[in-house]
Amino acid sequence: MEYQISDKAKKVTLGLAIAGLVLMIIGFFSQKEYVFAHKIDEHSVNIEYWGEADESRIEALKSDLIAAMEPKGYVLEIHEAGHGHGHDAQEAHGEEHTEHEAKPVHTEEAHHDTPTFLWNVHISHAEGHEAHGNHHENAAQVVVELCKSGEVAFSDSKSRRFWSNLLINGFFFFGIALGALFYLALHYATESGWGVVLLRVFEGVSQALPIGMIVLVIVFATGALGMHDIYSWMDPEKVESDHLIWRKSGYFNQAFFWIRVVIYFGIFYYFMRWFRKTSAREDSEGGTDLHYSMYKRAAIFLVFFAVFSSTMSWDFIMSIDIHWYSTLFGWYTFSGIWLTGIIMILMISGYLKSQGYLELVKMSHIHDLSKWMFALSFLWSYLWFSQFMLIWYSNIGEETIYYWERIMEYKYLYFTMFGLNFILPMVFLMARDVKRSWPFIIVLGTIIFIGHWFDVFMMVMPGTLHDEWSFGLLEIGMFVLFMGVFLYTVLKSIGKAPLVQKNHPFLEESKHHDF
């Protein structure tokens, strides 16, 4: 029985995409660009901003701050402390240190010597309000919280949160399809027989590769045009003013970068299409010639992938934190790509089985895929810890800054993400029975899958939004949008070919794979 995407599946996947689009649009208008408040004493606060804003926006922010404090019974006197005095301006913050005090060191505007503005705000009680109990409230802390929460903030004119999320989802779903393509090539190159009855699922997931490619090209092109600041090395002014970026400009320059992007995507797309067309020919022609052709091409693909999986992760993700580098980063990223590809293959296989398809797929096949999910979770965890431990032990400032930002500003999310992606597989997937139980596989696979989306989130957000991040409708909506489009594309693609490769030389071995 051949598979065709059902009307119900179309409605669900496209419905997800539409619902995600609506949430994303609503969330788009919640983007903020924060100002940073530093408490001096109970009635004095310094407020600074390091981005770009004209006088009208600055005056509007003053009005917003005054309006936000009036209902609380406070009157504000805002004095210009100057448009920055280099390091002296930072000393004006007083002796009290807050979590935002290191902000100027890490922002994309850090190459400027002075903030855009620095205000000294004095807060007093409005006449008659002190008698009603406001004297018990720390007035300065109220201002700090208003700024910290984003209630008093600029609207983000460059939509940094939108572009960051577009990169996160584009790379994440691109990685899923690429992981499936890698696993397909690995299966051919090693002449594995057990998974032949699942190869069309591998192919179907890999066919969604163009979705990620298109989105990533959009992110890169808009960055090159100056529409966002995700990649600071794309800005000639920053390259000239930053010696460390300038030292890397032989590799990180736009001409060479676009050459690499074309090579990556061109080769991946070629092999994706070639494997699909050749396996379809094998269905009609039979014999072993096409099998050996795929065996040889798969080996060639793995050579390209071995190099590109690392350099691509440097180009697309690691270069966001352009001052930082890690020799383990490529392997770390690759392990996440492979793992999410395996999980998607498992989930699609489970869906098809539930609909009465993939009759030849037994629990032994699912068990083997679950073992891959278990093993790759440990590989990812090993690489996460190795990278962290080596940088922590050497304690070199240029390296530790990567983890400093993530631990200081994203602590709970960062370590929760690691716990989900390491502890859950270790505790639950160790047992044989769990690897053969669909309810456990679906629940654990979904949690790990979402956990690795947050892994990509943690790779991108600290380098683009720093401590100005938030999580809301924009993030949820864009993820749901991508998920709906991705699933629709995969299911549609799987329906374009028979679910089993009819003339594969190891088909009988796969049919009788049982243990």
Protein backbone atom coordinates (compact mmCIF):
# COMPACT_ATOMS: atom_id res chain seq x y z
CA MET A 1 0.00 0.00 0.00
CA GLU A 2 1.55 3.29 -1.16
CA TYR A 3 1.33 6.39 0.96
CA GLN A 4 -0.34 9.65 -0.05
CA ILE A 5 -0.61 12.59 2.31
CA SER A 6 -4.18 12.64 3.63
CA ASP A 7 -6.50 15.63 3.72
CA LYS A 8 -6.37 15.48 7.51
CA ALA A 9 -2.56 15.59 7.51
CA LYS A 10 -2.65 18.54 5.12
CA LYS A 11 -5.11 20.40 7.34
CA VAL A 12 -3.08 19.70 10.50
CA THR A 13 0.32 20.64 9.08
CA LEU A 14 -0.87 23.70 7.17
CA GLY A 15 -3.06 24.65 10.13
CA LEU A 16 0.03 24.56 12.32
CA ALA A 17 1.83 26.78 9.83
CA ILE A 18 -1.03 29.31 9.73
CA ALA A 19 -1.42 29.35 13.53
CA GLY A 20 2.33 29.81 13.89
CA LEU A 21 2.30 32.65 11.37
CA VAL A 22 -0.45 34.46 13.29
CA LEU A 23 1.40 34.07 16.61
CA MET A 24 4.64 35.19 14.99
CA ILE A 25 3.05 38.33 13.56
CA ILE A 26 1.56 39.22 16.96
CA GLY A 27 4.91 38.55 18.64
CA PHE A 28 6.76 40.59 16.02
CA PHE A 29 5.39 43.82 17.46
CA SER A 30 6.61 42.99 20.97
CA GLN A 31 10.30 43.40 20.10
CA LYS A 32 12.17 45.80 22.35
CA GLU A 33 15.57 47.39 22.60
CA TYR A 34 16.45 47.79 26.26
CA VAL A 35 17.95 50.65 28.23
CA PHE A 36 19.97 49.81 31.32
CA ALA A 37 19.34 51.23 34.77
CA HIS A 38 21.89 51.19 37.58
CA LYS A 39 20.82 52.04 41.11
CA ILE A 40 22.91 54.66 42.88
CA ASP A 41 20.83 54.98 46.06
CA GLU A 42 17.16 54.71 46.98
CA HIS A 43 16.26 57.87 45.07
CA SER A 44 18.87 58.00 42.30
CA VAL A 45 19.39 55.91 39.17
CA ASN A 46 21.71 56.13 36.19
CA ILE A 47 20.18 55.06 32.87
CA GLU A 48 22.31 54.40 29.81
CA TYR A 49 21.79 53.27 26.24
CA TRP A 50 24.39 52.15 23.70
CA GLY A 51 22.35 51.70 20.53
CA GLU A 52 21.14 54.06 17.84
CA ALA A 53 18.32 56.52 18.56
CA ASP A 54 17.47 60.01 17.37
CA GLU A 55 16.35 62.82 19.65
CA SER A 56 12.64 62.20 19.06
CA ARG A 57 12.90 58.58 20.20
CA ILE A 58 14.96 59.60 23.23
CA GLU A 59 12.41 62.24 24.24
CA ALA A 60 9.60 59.71 23.77
CA LEU A 61 11.43 57.31 26.10
CA LYS A 62 11.69 60.03 28.74
CA SER A 63 7.96 60.61 28.50
CA ASP A 64 7.28 56.86 28.81
CA LEU A 65 9.44 56.63 31.94
CA ILE A 66 7.77 59.64 33.57
CA ALA A 67 4.30 58.33 32.66
CA ALA A 68 5.11 54.87 34.08
CA MET A 69 6.18 56.37 37.43
CA GLU A 70 3.37 58.91 37.85
CA PRO A 71 0.64 56.37 38.84
CA LYS A 72 3.02 55.05 41.51
CA GLY A 73 3.23 58.52 43.04
CA TYR A 74 6.71 59.53 41.91
CA VAL A 75 8.11 62.63 40.25
CA LEU A 76 11.27 62.28 38.14
CA GLU A 77 14.00 64.80 37.43
CA ILE A 78 16.08 63.60 34.49
CA HIS A 79 19.47 65.20 33.99
CA GLU A 80 21.81 64.57 31.11
CA ALA A 81 24.99 63.15 32.60
CA GLY A 82 26.55 63.65 29.19
CA HIS A 83 26.63 61.57 26.03
CA GLY A 84 29.29 59.41 27.60
CA HIS A 85 32.79 59.99 28.89
CA GLY A 86 34.42 56.70 28.04
CA HIS A 87 35.39 54.75 31.12
CA ASP A 88 34.56 57.71 33.35
CA ALA A 89 30.92 57.38 32.35
CA GLN A 90 30.89 53.83 33.57
CA GLU A 91 32.41 54.83 36.90
CA ALA A 92 29.46 57.21 37.40
CA HIS A 93 27.27 54.18 38.00
CA GLY A 94 28.43 54.05 41.60
CA GLU A 95 29.87 51.22 43.61
CA GLU A 96 26.82 48.95 43.32
CA HIS A 97 27.18 46.38 40.53
CA THR A 98 24.19 44.97 38.73
CA GLU A 99 23.83 42.12 36.27
CA HIS A 100 23.73 44.63 33.39
CA GLU A 101 26.90 46.52 34.32
CA ALA A 102 29.12 44.54 31.94
CA LYS A 103 26.67 45.12 29.10
CA PRO A 104 28.80 47.59 27.08
CA VAL A 105 31.61 45.04 26.86
CA HIS A 106 29.48 42.49 25.01
CA THR A 107 27.09 44.40 22.77
CA GLU A 108 27.60 44.92 19.07
CA GLU A 109 27.95 48.62 19.93
CA ALA A 110 30.95 47.90 22.16
CA HIS A 111 33.34 49.43 19.64
CA HIS A 112 31.96 52.86 20.63
CA ASP A 113 33.80 54.55 23.50
CA THR A 114 30.71 56.20 24.98
CA PRO A 115 27.00 55.44 25.41
CA THR A 116 24.41 57.13 23.21
CA PHE A 117 23.06 58.80 26.33
CA LEU A 118 23.62 58.66 30.06
CA TRP A 119 20.94 60.04 32.37
CA ASN A 120 21.00 60.73 36.07
CA VAL A 121 17.45 60.29 37.35
CA HIS A 122 16.41 61.66 40.72
CA ILE A 123 13.13 60.28 42.09
CA SER A 124 10.95 62.04 44.65
CA HIS A 125 7.46 61.47 45.98
CA ALA A 126 4.58 63.43 44.50
CA GLU A 127 2.81 65.63 46.98
CA GLY A 128 0.39 63.62 49.12
CA HIS A 129 1.57 60.16 48.02
CA GLU A 130 4.16 59.56 50.73
CA ALA A 131 1.46 59.59 53.34
CA HIS A 132 -0.20 56.65 51.66
CA GLY A 133 2.72 54.32 52.21
CA ASN A 134 4.97 54.81 49.19
CA HIS A 135 7.82 55.72 51.55
CA HIS A 136 8.20 51.99 52.19
CA GLU A 137 8.94 51.35 48.50
CA ASN A 138 12.45 51.57 47.06
CA ALA A 139 11.88 54.17 44.36
CA ALA A 140 15.16 53.54 42.53
CA GLN A 141 14.47 49.81 42.37
CA VAL A 142 11.10 50.51 40.73
CA VAL A 143 12.88 52.32 37.87
CA VAL A 144 15.45 49.52 37.57
CA GLU A 145 12.67 46.93 37.28
CA LEU A 146 10.78 48.97 34.68
CA CYS A 147 13.89 49.05 32.50
CA LYS A 148 14.87 45.45 33.19
CA SER A 149 11.41 44.12 32.29
CA GLY A 150 11.29 46.14 29.06
CA GLU A 151 8.20 48.07 30.16
CA VAL A 152 10.25 51.18 29.52
CA ALA A 153 12.29 50.50 26.38
CA PHE A 154 12.70 51.45 22.73
CA SER A 155 10.92 49.48 20.05
CA ASP A 156 13.56 47.46 18.22
CA SER A 157 14.03 49.32 14.93
CA LYS A 158 16.29 46.56 13.54
CA SER A 159 14.02 43.67 14.63
CA ARG A 160 16.98 41.84 16.15
CA ARG A 161 14.78 39.30 17.91
CA PHE A 162 12.95 38.46 14.67
CA TRP A 163 16.14 37.96 12.67
CA SER A 164 17.72 35.94 15.49
CA ASN A 165 14.70 33.63 15.60
CA LEU A 166 14.71 33.29 11.83
CA LEU A 167 18.34 32.15 12.00
CA ILE A 168 17.58 29.74 14.86
CA ASN A 169 14.70 28.04 13.07
CA GLY A 170 16.31 28.14 9.65
CA PHE A 171 19.45 26.46 10.96
CA PHE A 172 17.57 24.00 13.21
CA PHE A 173 15.28 22.65 10.49
CA PHE A 174 18.06 22.79 7.89
CA GLY A 175 20.08 20.65 10.32
CA ILE A 176 17.29 18.08 10.67
CA ALA A 177 17.10 17.55 6.90
CA LEU A 178 20.89 17.54 6.60
CA GLY A 179 21.15 14.99 9.43
CA ALA A 180 18.75 12.70 7.56
CA LEU A 181 20.77 13.11 4.35
CA PHE A 182 23.96 12.29 6.23
CA TYR A 183 22.38 9.19 7.76
CA LEU A 184 21.12 8.11 4.33
CA ALA A 185 24.63 8.44 2.87
CA LEU A 186 26.11 6.65 5.87
CA HIS A 187 23.70 3.77 5.33
CA TYR A 188 24.78 3.42 1.70
CA ALA A 189 28.49 3.88 2.38
CA THR A 190 28.55 1.21 5.09
CA GLU A 191 26.24 -1.09 3.08
CA SER A 192 24.03 -1.55 6.11
CA GLY A 193 21.11 -3.90 5.51
CA TRP A 194 18.89 -3.55 8.56
CA GLY A 195 17.37 -0.16 7.67
CA VAL A 196 16.50 -0.64 4.00
CA VAL A 197 12.78 -0.63 4.75
CA LEU A 198 13.22 2.87 6.28
CA LEU A 199 15.37 4.44 3.56
CA ARG A 200 12.42 6.20 1.91
CA VAL A 201 11.68 7.91 5.22
CA PHE A 202 15.32 9.06 5.32
CA GLU A 203 14.92 10.40 1.79
CA GLY A 204 11.63 12.11 2.62
CA VAL A 205 13.05 14.01 5.59
CA SER A 206 16.11 15.06 3.57
CA GLN A 207 13.85 16.55 0.85
CA ALA A 208 12.99 19.42 3.21
CA LEU A 209 16.59 20.69 2.92
CA PRO A 210 15.68 23.62 0.59
CA ILE A 211 13.45 25.15 3.30
CA GLY A 212 16.42 25.78 5.57
CA MET A 213 18.64 26.82 2.68
CA ILE A 214 16.22 29.51 1.52
CA VAL A 215 15.72 30.90 5.02
CA LEU A 216 19.45 30.95 5.76
CA VAL A 217 20.20 32.75 2.49
CA ILE A 218 17.59 35.37 3.44
CA VAL A 219 19.27 35.86 6.85
CA PHE A 220 22.74 36.14 5.28
CA ALA A 221 21.60 38.48 2.49
CA THR A 222 19.76 40.85 4.82
CA GLY A 223 22.81 40.88 7.11
CA ALA A 224 25.04 41.75 4.16
CA LEU A 225 22.67 44.63 3.33
CA GLY A 226 22.90 45.97 6.89
CA MET A 227 19.33 45.13 7.90
CA HIS A 228 20.54 43.39 11.06
CA ASP A 229 23.76 43.08 13.07
CA ILE A 230 23.91 39.32 13.71
CA TYR A 231 27.28 39.02 11.96
CA SER A 232 29.44 41.94 13.04
CA TRP A 233 32.20 40.88 10.61
CA MET A 234 29.87 41.87 7.73
CA ASP A 235 30.10 45.53 8.82
CA PRO A 236 33.24 47.19 7.32
CA GLU A 237 33.29 49.85 10.06
CA LYS A 238 33.39 47.23 12.81
CA VAL A 239 36.09 45.28 10.99
CA GLU A 240 38.24 48.40 10.75
CA SER A 241 37.71 49.40 14.37
CA ASP A 242 38.15 45.92 15.89
CA HIS A 243 41.62 44.42 15.59
CA LEU A 244 40.50 40.87 16.40
CA ILE A 245 37.82 40.90 13.69
CA TRP A 246 40.27 42.46 11.25
CA ARG A 247 42.75 39.62 11.93
CA LYS A 248 40.08 37.12 10.83
CA SER A 249 38.97 39.06 7.77
CA GLY A 250 40.99 36.83 5.43
CA TYR A 251 38.42 34.11 6.12
CA PHE A 252 35.43 36.14 7.30
CA ASN A 253 34.83 38.45 4.38
CA GLN A 254 31.66 38.57 2.34
CA ALA A 255 33.09 37.42 -0.99
CA PHE A 256 34.67 34.27 0.45
CA PHE A 257 31.69 33.66 2.71
CA TRP A 258 29.22 33.65 -0.21
CA ILE A 259 31.50 31.34 -2.18
CA ARG A 260 31.40 28.89 0.73
CA VAL A 261 27.62 29.18 1.07
CA VAL A 262 27.13 28.40 -2.64
CA ILE A 263 29.47 25.40 -2.37
CA TYR A 264 27.78 24.04 0.78
CA PHE A 265 24.24 24.38 -0.49
CA GLY A 266 25.09 23.36 -4.05
CA ILE A 267 26.75 20.11 -2.99
CA PHE A 268 24.10 19.22 -0.41
CA TYR A 269 21.28 19.92 -2.86
CA TYR A 270 22.99 17.90 -5.61
CA PHE A 271 23.40 14.81 -3.43
CA MET A 272 19.87 15.14 -2.03
CA ARG A 273 18.41 15.10 -5.56
CA TRP A 274 20.81 12.48 -6.86
CA PHE A 275 20.08 9.91 -4.14
CA ARG A 276 16.36 10.40 -4.66
CA LYS A 277 16.50 9.99 -8.45
CA THR A 278 18.88 7.03 -8.33
CA SER A 279 16.81 5.11 -5.78
CA ALA A 280 13.75 5.67 -8.00
CA ARG A 281 15.67 4.26 -10.96
CA GLU A 282 16.66 1.26 -8.84
CA ASP A 283 12.96 0.50 -8.32
CA SER A 284 12.42 0.11 -12.04
CA GLU A 285 15.79 -1.20 -13.26
CA GLY A 286 16.97 -3.53 -10.49
CA GLY A 287 20.43 -5.09 -10.47
CA THR A 288 23.43 -4.03 -8.40
CA ASP A 289 25.02 -1.37 -10.61
CA LEU A 290 22.96 1.47 -9.19
CA HIS A 291 23.53 0.20 -5.66
CA TYR A 292 27.31 0.33 -6.11
CA SER A 293 26.99 3.75 -7.71
CA MET A 294 25.17 5.00 -4.60
CA TYR A 295 27.77 3.29 -2.40
CA LYS A 296 30.57 5.23 -4.12
CA ARG A 297 28.73 8.56 -4.20
CA ALA A 298 27.81 8.19 -0.54
CA ALA A 299 31.49 7.80 0.36
CA ILE A 300 32.29 10.98 -1.59
CA PHE A 301 29.46 12.84 0.14
CA LEU A 302 30.77 11.81 3.57
CA VAL A 303 34.17 13.32 2.73
CA PHE A 304 32.54 16.63 1.83
CA PHE A 305 30.29 16.46 4.87
CA ALA A 306 33.21 15.76 7.22
CA VAL A 307 34.74 19.10 6.26
CA PHE A 308 31.64 21.18 5.63
CA SER A 309 29.79 20.20 8.80
CA SER A 310 32.53 21.94 10.80
CA THR A 311 33.27 24.93 8.56
CA MET A 312 29.55 25.54 8.08
CA SER A 313 28.99 25.68 11.84
CA TRP A 314 31.84 28.19 12.12
CA ASP A 315 30.39 30.34 9.34
CA PHE A 316 26.71 30.26 10.30
CA ILE A 317 26.79 30.06 14.10
CA MET A 318 30.22 30.46 15.73
CA SER A 319 30.97 33.66 13.79
CA ILE A 320 28.10 35.36 15.64
CA ASP A 321 30.49 35.50 18.62
CA ILE A 322 33.31 36.56 16.32
CA HIS A 323 35.90 37.05 19.07
CA TRP A 324 35.35 33.52 20.38
CA TYR A 325 36.32 30.17 18.92
CA SER A 326 36.36 26.51 19.87
CA THR A 327 37.95 23.60 18.02
CA LEU A 328 35.15 21.32 19.29
CA PHE A 329 32.31 23.51 18.08
CA GLY A 330 31.93 21.79 14.70
CA TRP A 331 31.64 18.34 16.24
CA TYR A 332 29.27 19.63 18.89
CA THR A 333 26.97 21.16 16.28
CA PHE A 334 27.17 18.06 14.09
CA SER A 335 26.07 15.79 16.95
CA GLY A 336 22.94 17.89 17.46
CA ILE A 337 22.16 17.86 13.73
CA TRP A 338 22.47 14.09 13.51
CA LEU A 339 20.41 13.51 16.65
CA THR A 340 17.50 15.72 15.59
CA GLY A 341 17.53 14.04 12.18
CA ILE A 342 17.20 10.63 13.85
CA ILE A 343 14.36 11.84 16.08
CA MET A 344 12.46 13.23 13.08
CA ILE A 345 12.91 9.91 11.23
CA LEU A 346 11.57 8.08 14.28
CA MET A 347 8.55 10.37 14.60
CA ILE A 348 7.65 10.18 10.90
CA SER A 349 8.03 6.39 10.99
CA GLY A 350 5.77 6.20 14.02
CA TYR A 351 3.14 8.33 12.29
CA LEU A 352 3.22 6.17 9.15
CA LYS A 353 2.97 2.98 11.24
CA SER A 354 -0.04 4.40 13.07
CA GLN A 355 -1.73 5.01 9.71
CA GLY A 356 -1.23 1.40 8.62
CA TYR A 357 1.86 1.93 6.44
CA LEU A 358 5.43 0.56 6.72
CA GLU A 359 4.19 -2.98 7.32
CA LEU A 360 7.73 -4.31 6.96
CA VAL A 361 9.07 -2.09 9.74
CA LYS A 362 9.27 -4.09 12.98
CA MET A 363 10.04 -3.03 16.53
CA SER A 364 13.58 -4.25 15.91
CA HIS A 365 14.05 -1.43 13.38
CA ILE A 366 12.56 1.08 15.80
CA HIS A 367 14.77 -0.32 18.56
CA ASP A 368 17.85 0.34 16.42
CA LEU A 369 16.80 3.92 15.71
CA SER A 370 16.14 4.42 19.44
CA LYS A 371 19.64 3.14 20.17
CA TRP A 372 20.98 5.81 17.82
CA MET A 373 18.94 8.42 19.69
CA PHE A 374 20.41 7.17 22.97
CA ALA A 375 24.00 7.01 21.68
CA LEU A 376 23.91 10.41 19.99
CA SER A 377 22.49 12.02 23.13
CA PHE A 378 25.58 10.80 24.94
CA LEU A 379 27.87 11.98 22.13
CA TRP A 380 26.29 15.45 22.30
CA SER A 381 26.58 15.50 26.11
CA TYR A 382 30.22 14.39 25.96
CA LEU A 383 31.08 17.17 23.50
CA TRP A 384 29.12 19.76 25.51
CA PHE A 385 31.02 18.87 28.68
CA SER A 386 34.39 18.56 26.91
CA GLN A 387 34.08 22.02 25.39
CA PHE A 388 32.91 23.52 28.67
CA MET A 389 35.51 21.75 30.84
CA LEU A 390 38.48 22.66 28.65
CA ILE A 391 37.50 26.33 28.52
CA TRP A 392 36.69 26.45 32.25
CA TYR A 393 39.99 24.79 33.16
CA SER A 394 42.17 27.04 30.99
CA ASN A 395 40.26 30.12 32.23
CA ILE A 396 41.30 32.37 29.33
CA GLY A 397 39.12 35.47 29.16
CA GLU A 398 38.69 35.38 25.37
CA GLU A 399 37.24 31.86 25.69
CA THR A 400 35.30 32.07 28.96
CA ILE A 401 33.24 35.05 27.77
CA TYR A 402 31.10 32.64 25.71
CA TYR A 403 30.03 30.75 28.82
CA TRP A 404 29.99 33.82 31.06
CA GLU A 405 27.17 35.35 29.01
CA ARG A 406 25.18 32.13 28.89
CA ILE A 407 25.55 31.32 32.57
CA MET A 408 25.01 34.88 33.84
CA GLU A 409 22.10 35.84 31.60
CA TYR A 410 20.52 32.47 30.64
CA LYS A 411 21.49 30.32 33.61
CA TYR A 412 18.25 28.40 34.23
CA LEU A 413 17.44 27.90 30.57
CA TYR A 414 21.01 26.88 29.74
CA PHE A 415 21.39 24.20 32.39
CA THR A 416 17.80 22.99 32.01
CA MET A 417 18.51 22.48 28.32
CA PHE A 418 21.60 20.43 29.14
CA GLY A 419 19.74 18.41 31.77
CA LEU A 420 16.90 17.53 29.40
CA ASN A 421 19.26 16.51 26.62
CA PHE A 422 21.55 14.43 28.85
CA ILE A 423 19.76 13.17 31.97
CA LEU A 424 16.49 12.11 30.32
CA PRO A 425 18.14 9.83 27.70
CA MET A 426 20.55 8.46 30.30
CA VAL A 427 17.81 7.56 32.78
CA PHE A 428 15.04 6.36 30.49
CA LEU A 429 16.60 5.18 27.21
CA MET A 430 19.02 2.81 28.91
CA ALA A 431 16.35 0.09 29.17
CA ARG A 432 15.60 -2.16 26.20
CA ASP A 433 11.83 -2.11 26.75
CA VAL A 434 11.70 1.69 26.57
CA LYS A 435 13.42 1.64 23.17
CA ARG A 436 10.64 -0.63 21.90
CA SER A 437 7.70 1.29 23.39
CA TRP A 438 6.04 3.88 21.14
CA PRO A 439 4.55 5.96 24.00
CA PHE A 440 7.98 6.33 25.63
CA ILE A 441 9.71 6.99 22.31
CA ILE A 442 7.23 9.71 21.34
CA VAL A 443 7.34 11.49 24.71
CA LEU A 444 11.13 11.27 25.15
CA GLY A 445 11.80 12.05 21.50
CA THR A 446 9.60 15.15 21.63
CA ILE A 447 11.28 16.45 24.80
CA ILE A 448 14.78 15.86 23.43
CA PHE A 449 13.78 17.41 20.09
CA ILE A 450 12.55 20.59 21.80
CA GLY A 451 15.62 20.52 24.04
CA HIS A 452 17.86 20.66 20.98
CA TRP A 453 15.87 23.56 19.55
CA PHE A 454 16.80 25.36 22.75
CA ASP A 455 20.40 24.26 22.19
CA VAL A 456 20.41 26.21 18.91
CA PHE A 457 18.58 29.04 20.71
CA MET A 458 21.47 29.15 23.20
CA MET A 459 24.02 29.17 20.38
CA VAL A 460 22.45 32.24 18.77
CA MET A 461 20.60 34.47 21.26
CA PRO A 462 23.42 35.33 23.70
CA GLY A 463 25.53 36.55 20.78
CA THR A 464 22.78 38.63 19.17
CA LEU A 465 20.52 39.92 21.98
CA HIS A 466 22.83 39.33 24.97
CA ASP A 467 20.78 39.98 28.13
CA GLU A 468 17.95 41.67 26.20
CA TRP A 469 16.37 38.35 25.24
CA SER A 470 12.85 37.18 25.97
CA PHE A 471 10.71 34.20 25.09
CA GLY A 472 7.16 34.66 23.90
CA LEU A 473 4.76 34.51 20.98
CA LEU A 474 7.43 35.37 18.43
CA GLU A 475 9.55 32.36 19.38
CA ILE A 476 6.62 29.96 19.75
CA GLY A 477 4.91 31.16 16.59
CA MET A 478 7.97 30.92 14.38
CA PHE A 479 8.81 27.41 15.65
CA VAL A 480 5.23 26.23 15.01
CA LEU A 481 5.25 27.86 11.55
CA PHE A 482 8.47 26.10 10.57
CA MET A 483 7.28 22.80 12.04
CA GLY A 484 4.06 22.89 10.04
CA VAL A 485 5.79 23.72 6.75
CA PHE A 486 8.53 21.16 7.41
CA LEU A 487 6.12 18.29 8.19
CA TYR A 488 3.93 19.12 5.21
CA THR A 489 6.98 19.10 2.90
CA VAL A 490 8.27 15.80 4.28
CA LEU A 491 4.93 13.98 4.11
CA LYS A 492 4.26 15.33 0.63
CA SER A 493 7.69 14.15 -0.50
CA ILE A 494 7.30 10.67 1.01
CA GLY A 495 4.08 10.24 -0.99
CA LYS A 496 5.93 10.76 -4.29
CA ALA A 497 7.68 7.37 -4.22
CA PRO A 498 6.92 3.83 -3.00
CA LEU A 499 7.58 3.44 0.73
CA VAL A 500 9.94 0.51 0.13
CA GLN A 501 12.85 0.33 -2.31
CA LYS A 502 11.71 -2.67 -4.32
CA ASN A 503 15.01 -3.83 -5.81
CA HIS A 504 17.50 -2.96 -3.10
CA PRO A 505 19.97 -5.89 -2.81
CA PHE A 506 19.62 -5.97 1.01
CA LEU A 507 15.85 -5.78 1.11
CA GLU A 508 15.38 -9.37 2.27
CA GLU A 509 17.91 -8.87 5.06
CA SER A 510 15.97 -5.83 6.26
CA LYS A 511 12.64 -7.69 6.07
CA HIS A 512 13.96 -10.37 8.42
CA HIS A 513 15.76 -8.02 10.79
CA ASP A 514 14.61 -9.30 14.16
CA PHE A 515 16.21 -9.70 17.58
